[in-house]
Amino acid sequence: MARVAFIGLGNMGGGMAANLAKAGHDVHAFDLSQDALAAAKKAGCLPCDSAAEAVKGAEAVITMLPAGKHVEAVYTDSVFDNVDGGAILIDCSTIDVETARRVSDAASAKGLTAVDAPVSGGIAAANAGSLTFMVGGSKAGFERAEPFLSKMGKAVIHAGGAGAGQAAKACNNMLLGATMVATCEAFLLAKKLGLDPQKFFDIASVSSGQSWSMTSYCPVPGVGPETPADRDYAPGFATALMLKDLGLAMAAAENAGAQVPMGARAQELYEQFAEAGNGGKDFSGIIKMLDGKE
């Protein structure tokens, strides 16, 4: 198996690194959090004192970081000058398209191959190794990254050239944010019209109103499969993270000249929900605000 550097061991990265170690890879891990490093060590990874130390000798470098500025800084300050020339660079962070393309271009200028590979699926999928990866980069880069990504996910899809993975993630999560709001509205209207929530679920989940927000992530407690709604909206996927993704989608839409009124309205509603102190709640908890209970 391969030596892998993993940088960024937060809620998502910790589970992803653990799955690589479970698959037999020699994972050298770094994070600013000592608690995260301790958890990674327990999962079979080798903690490192710096990102630069982690990437030395690595055949693959995987980053999972909060924002584009962190990704660019780590690659510029620690990765490019310390990694072996034959390593594949895989950024799984969710960042803006422009930064992803700059990192890819900077890697190419140094004779390195980089791909952007943001994920869908949340913390549970990261821990279970059932994420979906949307990969942007060359075909050759995708083929080199896929064996590593497949150990952390159920689906690895080549979206196109550099930045295409981030573009796909922005569009996907804008759709998710908008459909969750619509799903919450539909359940609340059904309730006011006297429909039992479970009966409405049984009907809508096999009818034209069906969506992932309905059948896999139902915002109503006790209806459908277990979701954060059954845990008082503990994330899950925090509202603050949904807002981050909607912000990236809105910026991408502005740059592309695209009209996204539903996405923009979803962003406004989630901003209102977060400003009421719910940034740490699961994004599906917005149903409580729409119901006048937040």
Protein backbone atom coordinates (compact mmCIF):
# COMPACT_ATOMS: atom_id res chain seq x y z
CA MET A 1 0.00 0.00 0.00
CA ALA A 2 0.99 3.65 -0.31
CA ARG A 3 2.31 6.33 1.99
CA VAL A 4 -0.33 9.04 2.25
CA ALA A 5 -0.14 12.50 3.83
CA PHE A 6 -3.43 13.70 5.27
CA ILE A 7 -3.72 17.35 6.34
CA GLY A 8 -6.86 18.48 8.15
CA LEU A 9 -8.39 16.07 10.65
CA GLY A 10 -11.65 17.79 11.56
CA ASN A 11 -15.12 16.27 11.65
CA MET A 12 -14.79 15.06 8.07
CA GLY A 13 -11.05 14.60 7.68
CA GLY A 14 -10.65 12.49 10.80
CA GLY A 15 -12.97 9.77 9.54
CA MET A 16 -11.51 9.92 6.03
CA ALA A 17 -7.93 9.50 7.28
CA ALA A 18 -9.04 6.63 9.51
CA ASN A 19 -10.56 4.81 6.52
CA LEU A 20 -7.33 5.15 4.55
CA ALA A 21 -5.42 3.66 7.46
CA LYS A 22 -8.02 0.90 7.78
CA ALA A 23 -7.47 0.10 4.10
CA GLY A 24 -3.78 -0.49 4.84
CA HIS A 25 -2.23 2.80 3.75
CA ASP A 26 0.64 4.32 5.74
CA VAL A 27 -1.10 7.58 6.72
CA HIS A 28 1.03 10.46 8.01
CA ALA A 29 -1.40 12.98 9.46
CA PHE A 30 -1.26 16.60 10.55
CA ASP A 31 -3.73 18.98 12.18
CA LEU A 32 -3.38 22.03 14.42
CA SER A 33 -5.55 20.28 17.03
CA GLN A 34 -3.74 17.93 19.39
CA ASP A 35 -7.03 16.17 20.12
CA ALA A 36 -7.49 15.49 16.41
CA LEU A 37 -3.95 14.13 16.16
CA ALA A 38 -4.56 11.86 19.15
CA ALA A 39 -7.75 10.52 17.54
CA ALA A 40 -5.88 9.94 14.27
CA LYS A 41 -3.16 8.01 16.09
CA LYS A 42 -5.79 5.83 17.74
CA ALA A 43 -7.23 5.14 14.27
CA GLY A 44 -3.88 3.91 12.97
CA CYS A 45 -2.35 7.09 11.53
CA LEU A 46 1.11 8.48 12.34
CA PRO A 47 0.80 12.02 13.80
CA CYS A 48 3.24 14.60 12.42
CA ASP A 49 4.41 17.90 13.85
CA SER A 50 3.80 19.87 10.65
CA ALA A 51 2.26 19.63 7.21
CA ALA A 52 5.73 19.85 5.69
CA GLU A 53 6.82 16.79 7.69
CA ALA A 54 3.68 14.86 6.73
CA VAL A 55 4.13 15.28 2.98
CA LYS A 56 7.77 14.22 2.78
CA GLY A 57 7.98 10.88 1.00
CA ALA A 58 4.22 10.75 0.39
CA GLU A 59 2.82 9.19 -2.76
CA ALA A 60 -0.46 11.04 -2.26
CA VAL A 61 -1.28 14.23 -0.36
CA ILE A 62 -4.88 14.74 0.75
CA THR A 63 -6.09 18.00 2.26
CA MET A 64 -9.41 18.65 4.04
CA LEU A 65 -9.39 22.27 5.18
CA PRO A 66 -11.94 24.97 6.09
CA ALA A 67 -11.61 27.46 3.22
CA GLY A 68 -9.73 28.41 0.08
CA LYS A 69 -7.25 30.64 1.91
CA HIS A 70 -6.19 27.71 4.09
CA VAL A 71 -5.81 25.39 1.10
CA GLU A 72 -3.71 27.87 -0.84
CA ALA A 73 -1.51 28.65 2.17
CA VAL A 74 -0.86 24.97 2.98
CA TYR A 75 0.07 24.11 -0.58
CA THR A 76 2.20 27.23 -1.04
CA ASP A 77 3.94 27.16 2.35
CA SER A 78 4.23 23.44 3.09
CA VAL A 79 3.38 21.10 0.24
CA PHE A 80 4.96 22.31 -2.99
CA ASP A 81 8.52 22.61 -1.65
CA ASN A 82 8.51 19.40 0.39
CA VAL A 83 6.54 16.79 -1.55
CA ASP A 84 8.10 14.33 -3.98
CA GLY A 85 7.54 15.14 -7.63
CA GLY A 86 5.64 11.93 -8.28
CA ALA A 87 2.94 12.51 -5.65
CA ILE A 88 -0.69 13.12 -6.56
CA LEU A 89 -2.20 16.13 -4.76
CA ILE A 90 -5.87 15.75 -3.79
CA ASP A 91 -7.79 18.61 -2.17
CA CYS A 92 -11.09 17.42 -0.68
CA SER A 93 -11.96 20.78 0.89
CA THR A 94 -15.00 22.73 -0.26
CA ILE A 95 -13.62 26.00 -1.66
CA ASP A 96 -14.23 28.46 -4.47
CA VAL A 97 -13.62 27.45 -8.07
CA GLU A 98 -11.05 30.19 -8.70
CA THR A 99 -8.80 29.11 -5.81
CA ALA A 100 -9.03 25.48 -6.88
CA ARG A 101 -7.86 26.44 -10.36
CA ARG A 102 -5.02 28.60 -8.98
CA VAL A 103 -3.77 25.72 -6.84
CA SER A 104 -3.93 23.39 -9.83
CA ASP A 105 -2.02 25.85 -12.01
CA ALA A 106 0.60 26.39 -9.29
CA ALA A 107 1.04 22.63 -8.96
CA SER A 108 1.45 22.24 -12.71
CA ALA A 109 4.06 25.00 -12.77
CA LYS A 110 6.11 22.90 -10.35
CA GLY A 111 5.65 19.72 -12.34
CA LEU A 112 3.05 18.30 -9.96
CA THR A 113 -0.46 16.95 -10.59
CA ALA A 114 -3.36 18.22 -8.49
CA VAL A 115 -7.09 17.54 -8.45
CA ASP A 116 -9.97 19.12 -6.54
CA ALA A 117 -12.24 16.48 -5.02
CA PRO A 118 -14.89 17.94 -2.71
CA VAL A 119 -17.27 15.52 -1.03
CA SER A 120 -20.95 14.97 -0.38
CA GLY A 121 -22.35 12.86 2.43
CA GLY A 122 -21.55 14.50 5.75
CA ILE A 123 -19.85 13.24 8.91
CA ALA A 124 -21.63 9.87 9.02
CA ALA A 125 -20.57 9.07 5.45
CA ALA A 126 -17.01 10.22 6.16
CA ASN A 127 -16.83 7.80 9.07
CA ALA A 128 -18.50 4.99 7.13
CA GLY A 129 -16.38 5.45 4.00
CA SER A 130 -19.47 6.10 1.87
CA LEU A 131 -18.80 9.63 0.60
CA THR A 132 -19.34 10.84 -2.96
CA PHE A 133 -16.33 12.57 -4.52
CA MET A 134 -16.72 15.10 -7.35
CA VAL A 135 -13.31 15.35 -8.99
CA GLY A 136 -11.92 18.16 -11.11
CA GLY A 137 -8.64 17.80 -12.99
CA SER A 138 -7.03 15.99 -15.88
CA LYS A 139 -8.04 12.45 -16.78
CA ALA A 140 -4.60 11.24 -15.75
CA GLY A 141 -4.90 13.06 -12.41
CA PHE A 142 -8.32 11.54 -11.81
CA GLU A 143 -7.04 8.04 -12.54
CA ARG A 144 -4.20 8.49 -10.05
CA ALA A 145 -6.49 9.93 -7.36
CA GLU A 146 -9.34 7.43 -7.75
CA PRO A 147 -7.69 4.48 -5.93
CA PHE A 148 -7.23 6.64 -2.81
CA LEU A 149 -10.65 8.27 -2.97
CA SER A 150 -12.39 4.94 -3.46
CA LYS A 151 -11.16 3.84 -0.01
CA MET A 152 -13.11 6.74 1.50
CA GLY A 153 -16.24 6.77 -0.64
CA LYS A 154 -18.92 4.86 -2.48
CA ALA A 155 -18.76 6.98 -5.65
CA VAL A 156 -15.85 8.79 -7.32
CA ILE A 157 -16.94 10.81 -10.35
CA HIS A 158 -14.77 12.79 -12.78
CA ALA A 159 -16.60 16.10 -13.21
CA GLY A 160 -14.21 17.68 -15.70
CA GLY A 161 -11.13 19.90 -15.69
CA ALA A 162 -9.56 21.82 -12.81
CA GLY A 163 -12.22 23.42 -10.62
CA ALA A 164 -15.03 21.25 -11.99
CA GLY A 165 -15.30 19.33 -8.73
CA GLN A 166 -15.85 22.55 -6.81
CA ALA A 167 -18.37 23.74 -9.42
CA ALA A 168 -20.33 20.50 -9.04
CA LYS A 169 -20.27 20.79 -5.24
CA ALA A 170 -21.52 24.40 -5.33
CA CYS A 171 -24.41 23.50 -7.62
CA ASN A 172 -25.28 20.35 -5.66
CA ASN A 173 -25.38 22.07 -2.28
CA MET A 174 -27.32 25.05 -3.58
CA LEU A 175 -29.92 22.55 -4.77
CA LEU A 176 -29.82 20.79 -1.40
CA GLY A 177 -30.32 24.04 0.52
CA ALA A 178 -33.26 25.10 -1.61
CA THR A 179 -34.96 21.69 -1.61
CA MET A 180 -34.64 21.38 2.16
CA VAL A 181 -36.44 24.70 2.63
CA ALA A 182 -39.17 23.57 0.22
CA THR A 183 -39.44 20.21 2.00
CA CYS A 184 -39.85 21.95 5.37
CA GLU A 185 -42.51 24.25 3.93
CA ALA A 186 -44.41 21.29 2.47
CA PHE A 187 -44.47 19.41 5.78
CA LEU A 188 -45.64 22.51 7.65
CA LEU A 189 -48.39 23.18 5.10
CA ALA A 190 -49.46 19.53 5.26
CA LYS A 191 -49.69 19.81 9.05
CA LYS A 192 -51.85 22.94 8.86
CA LEU A 193 -54.10 21.21 6.35
CA GLY A 194 -54.63 18.37 8.79
CA LEU A 195 -52.42 15.75 7.16
CA ASP A 196 -50.52 13.32 9.36
CA PRO A 197 -46.74 13.85 8.74
CA GLN A 198 -46.10 10.13 8.29
CA LYS A 199 -48.96 9.81 5.81
CA PHE A 200 -47.65 12.80 3.86
CA PHE A 201 -44.17 11.26 3.86
CA ASP A 202 -45.56 7.94 2.62
CA ILE A 203 -47.26 9.73 -0.27
CA ALA A 204 -44.66 12.34 -1.23
CA SER A 205 -41.72 9.95 -0.98
CA VAL A 206 -43.15 7.89 -3.86
CA SER A 207 -44.63 10.79 -5.81
CA SER A 208 -43.35 13.66 -7.92
CA GLY A 209 -42.40 15.71 -4.85
CA GLN A 210 -39.80 13.15 -3.77
CA SER A 211 -36.28 14.41 -3.02
CA TRP A 212 -33.26 13.41 -0.95
CA SER A 213 -34.32 16.03 1.61
CA MET A 214 -37.61 14.17 1.92
CA THR A 215 -36.65 10.50 1.89
CA SER A 216 -33.11 10.40 3.26
CA TYR A 217 -32.92 13.48 5.50
CA CYS A 218 -36.48 14.16 6.58
CA PRO A 219 -36.67 17.32 8.73
CA VAL A 220 -39.57 16.01 10.84
CA PRO A 221 -38.76 13.91 13.94
CA GLY A 222 -40.03 10.34 13.89
CA VAL A 223 -40.77 10.30 10.18
CA GLY A 224 -38.74 8.24 7.72
CA PRO A 225 -35.21 6.97 8.48
CA GLU A 226 -33.32 8.35 11.46
CA THR A 227 -31.99 11.86 10.77
CA PRO A 228 -30.68 14.81 12.82
CA ALA A 229 -34.33 15.77 13.38
CA ASP A 230 -34.51 12.77 15.72
CA ARG A 231 -31.59 14.16 17.72
CA ASP A 232 -32.94 17.68 18.22
CA TYR A 233 -31.17 18.76 15.02
CA ALA A 234 -27.65 18.00 16.18
CA PRO A 235 -25.54 18.00 13.01
CA GLY A 236 -25.32 16.27 10.66
CA PHE A 237 -24.52 19.15 8.41
CA ALA A 238 -24.34 22.35 10.40
CA THR A 239 -26.22 25.43 9.24
CA ALA A 240 -22.94 27.39 9.25
CA LEU A 241 -21.52 24.92 6.71
CA MET A 242 -24.62 25.15 4.54
CA LEU A 243 -24.23 28.93 4.60
CA LYS A 244 -20.60 28.59 3.56
CA ASP A 245 -21.59 26.43 0.59
CA LEU A 246 -24.44 28.73 -0.40
CA GLY A 247 -22.03 31.66 -0.27
CA LEU A 248 -19.68 29.84 -2.63
CA ALA A 249 -22.59 29.07 -4.95
CA MET A 250 -23.74 32.70 -4.96
CA ALA A 251 -20.23 33.93 -5.72
CA ALA A 252 -19.90 31.39 -8.53
CA ALA A 253 -23.29 32.43 -9.93
CA GLU A 254 -22.30 36.10 -9.89
CA ASN A 255 -19.02 35.36 -11.66
CA ALA A 256 -20.83 33.25 -14.27
CA GLY A 257 -23.72 35.68 -14.76
CA ALA A 258 -26.26 33.01 -13.71
CA GLN A 259 -29.69 33.81 -12.26
CA VAL A 260 -30.28 31.78 -9.07
CA PRO A 261 -33.26 33.34 -7.24
CA MET A 262 -34.16 30.17 -5.31
CA GLY A 263 -30.58 29.71 -4.18
CA ALA A 264 -30.37 33.36 -3.14
CA ARG A 265 -33.59 33.11 -1.13
CA ALA A 266 -32.36 29.93 0.56
CA GLN A 267 -29.19 31.78 1.55
CA GLU A 268 -31.24 34.61 3.08
CA LEU A 269 -33.34 32.18 5.11
CA TYR A 270 -30.33 30.26 6.42
CA GLU A 271 -28.63 33.54 7.34
CA GLN A 272 -31.72 34.45 9.37
CA PHE A 273 -31.69 31.03 11.04
CA ALA A 274 -27.98 31.26 11.87
CA GLU A 275 -28.26 34.82 13.19
CA ALA A 276 -30.84 33.56 15.69
CA GLY A 277 -28.10 31.43 17.25
CA ASN A 278 -28.55 28.26 15.21
CA GLY A 279 -25.32 28.14 13.22
CA GLY A 280 -24.32 24.94 15.00
CA LYS A 281 -27.70 23.24 14.47
CA ASP A 282 -28.30 20.92 11.57
CA PHE A 283 -29.50 22.82 8.51
CA SER A 284 -32.75 20.84 8.48
CA GLY A 285 -33.60 22.55 11.77
CA ILE A 286 -34.72 25.55 9.74
CA ILE A 287 -38.15 23.89 9.86
CA LYS A 288 -38.48 25.23 13.42
CA MET A 289 -37.89 28.80 12.26
CA LEU A 290 -40.39 28.39 9.42
CA ASP A 291 -42.86 27.06 11.98
CA GLY A 292 -42.35 30.14 14.17
CA LYS A 293 -40.61 28.15 16.91
CA GLU A 294 -37.13 29.71 16.60
